[in-house]
Amino acid sequence: LAPALQGLRVAEYPPNLIKKTVVGAGHAEKRQIQMMVSMLLPKAKFGSADEADALAIAICHANHRSSPQFKAGIRF
């Protein structure tokens, strides 16, 4: 909420979209997400599943930020 109050755009992505974007399957397991994040970002170091999830969200955002739905402010 704080970023939106400062005029920054905020995006939300459902878990299945994040998984599908990163792994290719909407019902991927945490282990699969961690493996793909480490393949897509080989220099990234993460020590927990939460850190890998945060990187997966960043990857998803990078892939969808130029979509017409995002530009129109439509939630995915």
C-alpha atoms as a PDB file:
ATOM      1  CA  LEU A   1       0.000   0.000   0.000  1.00  0.00           C
ATOM      2  CA  ALA A   2       2.800   2.447   0.832  1.00  0.00           C
ATOM      3  CA  PRO A   3       4.246   2.420  -2.721  1.00  0.00           C
ATOM      4  CA  ALA A   4       0.805   3.122  -4.187  1.00  0.00           C
ATOM      5  CA  LEU A   5       0.366   6.070  -1.824  1.00  0.00           C
ATOM      6  CA  GLN A   6       3.594   7.490  -3.261  1.00  0.00           C
ATOM      7  CA  GLY A   7       2.253   7.185  -6.810  1.00  0.00           C
ATOM      8  CA  LEU A   8       4.184   4.047  -7.727  1.00  0.00           C
ATOM      9  CA  ARG A   9       2.420   1.340  -9.713  1.00  0.00           C
ATOM     10  CA  VAL A  10       1.797  -1.836  -7.785  1.00  0.00           C
ATOM     11  CA  ALA A  11       1.301  -5.195  -9.478  1.00  0.00           C
ATOM     12  CA  GLU A  12      -0.263  -8.387  -8.197  1.00  0.00           C
ATOM     13  CA  TYR A  13       0.200 -11.778  -9.790  1.00  0.00           C
ATOM     14  CA  PRO A  14      -1.596 -14.986  -8.828  1.00  0.00           C
ATOM     15  CA  PRO A  15       0.710 -17.811  -7.727  1.00  0.00           C
ATOM     16  CA  ASN A  16      -0.202 -19.964 -10.723  1.00  0.00           C
ATOM     17  CA  LEU A  17       0.841 -17.204 -13.157  1.00  0.00           C
ATOM     18  CA  ILE A  18       4.180 -16.802 -11.389  1.00  0.00           C
ATOM     19  CA  LYS A  19       4.782 -20.549 -11.487  1.00  0.00           C
ATOM     20  CA  LYS A  20       3.735 -20.809 -15.125  1.00  0.00           C
ATOM     21  CA  THR A  21       5.980 -17.895 -16.089  1.00  0.00           C
ATOM     22  CA  VAL A  22       9.043 -19.266 -14.329  1.00  0.00           C
ATOM     23  CA  VAL A  23       8.638 -23.039 -14.627  1.00  0.00           C
ATOM     24  CA  GLY A  24       6.135 -23.436 -17.453  1.00  0.00           C
ATOM     25  CA  ALA A  25       3.554 -25.175 -15.276  1.00  0.00           C
ATOM     26  CA  GLY A  26       1.028 -23.428 -13.045  1.00  0.00           C
ATOM     27  CA  HIS A  27       1.193 -26.104 -10.360  1.00  0.00           C
ATOM     28  CA  ALA A  28       4.967 -26.323  -9.918  1.00  0.00           C
ATOM     29  CA  GLU A  29       6.480 -27.268  -6.581  1.00  0.00           C
ATOM     30  CA  LYS A  30       8.795 -25.028  -4.553  1.00  0.00           C
ATOM     31  CA  ARG A  31      11.752 -27.221  -5.490  1.00  0.00           C
ATOM     32  CA  GLN A  32      11.036 -26.698  -9.205  1.00  0.00           C
ATOM     33  CA  ILE A  33      10.764 -22.944  -8.751  1.00  0.00           C
ATOM     34  CA  GLN A  34      14.087 -22.831  -6.917  1.00  0.00           C
ATOM     35  CA  MET A  35      15.779 -24.856  -9.649  1.00  0.00           C
ATOM     36  CA  MET A  36      14.455 -22.650 -12.466  1.00  0.00           C
ATOM     37  CA  VAL A  37      15.291 -19.425 -10.637  1.00  0.00           C
ATOM     38  CA  SER A  38      18.861 -20.654 -10.209  1.00  0.00           C
ATOM     39  CA  MET A  39      18.988 -21.521 -13.927  1.00  0.00           C
ATOM     40  CA  LEU A  40      17.496 -18.199 -15.050  1.00  0.00           C
ATOM     41  CA  LEU A  41      19.579 -16.133 -12.609  1.00  0.00           C
ATOM     42  CA  PRO A  42      22.798 -18.134 -12.188  1.00  0.00           C
ATOM     43  CA  LYS A  43      24.548 -15.435 -10.137  1.00  0.00           C
ATOM     44  CA  ALA A  44      21.634 -15.037  -7.730  1.00  0.00           C
ATOM     45  CA  LYS A  45      22.127 -16.564  -4.307  1.00  0.00           C
ATOM     46  CA  PHE A  46      19.184 -17.420  -2.119  1.00  0.00           C
ATOM     47  CA  GLY A  47      19.042 -19.308   1.129  1.00  0.00           C
ATOM     48  CA  SER A  48      15.346 -19.985   1.484  1.00  0.00           C
ATOM     49  CA  ALA A  49      12.258 -20.817  -0.515  1.00  0.00           C
ATOM     50  CA  ASP A  50      10.896 -17.344   0.289  1.00  0.00           C
ATOM     51  CA  GLU A  51      13.913 -15.686  -1.302  1.00  0.00           C
ATOM     52  CA  ALA A  52      13.531 -17.870  -4.411  1.00  0.00           C
ATOM     53  CA  ASP A  53       9.830 -16.953  -4.501  1.00  0.00           C
ATOM     54  CA  ALA A  54      10.696 -13.250  -4.391  1.00  0.00           C
ATOM     55  CA  LEU A  55      13.035 -13.691  -7.355  1.00  0.00           C
ATOM     56  CA  ALA A  56      10.338 -15.675  -9.181  1.00  0.00           C
ATOM     57  CA  ILE A  57       7.915 -12.778  -8.662  1.00  0.00           C
ATOM     58  CA  ALA A  58      10.518 -10.378 -10.063  1.00  0.00           C
ATOM     59  CA  ILE A  59      10.981 -12.624 -13.113  1.00  0.00           C
ATOM     60  CA  CYS A  60       7.209 -12.764 -13.612  1.00  0.00           C
ATOM     61  CA  HIS A  61       6.928  -8.985 -13.338  1.00  0.00           C
ATOM     62  CA  ALA A  62       9.767  -8.474 -15.809  1.00  0.00           C
ATOM     63  CA  ASN A  63       7.947 -10.703 -18.285  1.00  0.00           C
ATOM     64  CA  HIS A  64       4.500  -9.146 -17.855  1.00  0.00           C
ATOM     65  CA  ARG A  65       5.202  -5.451 -17.188  1.00  0.00           C
ATOM     66  CA  SER A  66       4.859  -4.525 -20.864  1.00  0.00           C
ATOM     67  CA  SER A  67       1.606  -6.448 -21.356  1.00  0.00           C
ATOM     68  CA  PRO A  68      -1.499  -4.456 -22.295  1.00  0.00           C
ATOM     69  CA  GLN A  69      -3.271  -5.709 -19.146  1.00  0.00           C
ATOM     70  CA  PHE A  70      -0.532  -4.352 -16.869  1.00  0.00           C
ATOM     71  CA  LYS A  71      -0.429  -1.013 -18.675  1.00  0.00           C
ATOM     72  CA  ALA A  72      -4.205  -0.748 -18.328  1.00  0.00           C
ATOM     73  CA  GLY A  73      -3.989  -1.473 -14.609  1.00  0.00           C
ATOM     74  CA  ILE A  74      -5.948  -4.728 -14.886  1.00  0.00           C
ATOM     75  CA  ARG A  75      -5.209  -7.341 -12.251  1.00  0.00           C
ATOM     76  CA  PHE A  76      -4.074 -10.704 -13.537  1.00  0.00           C
END
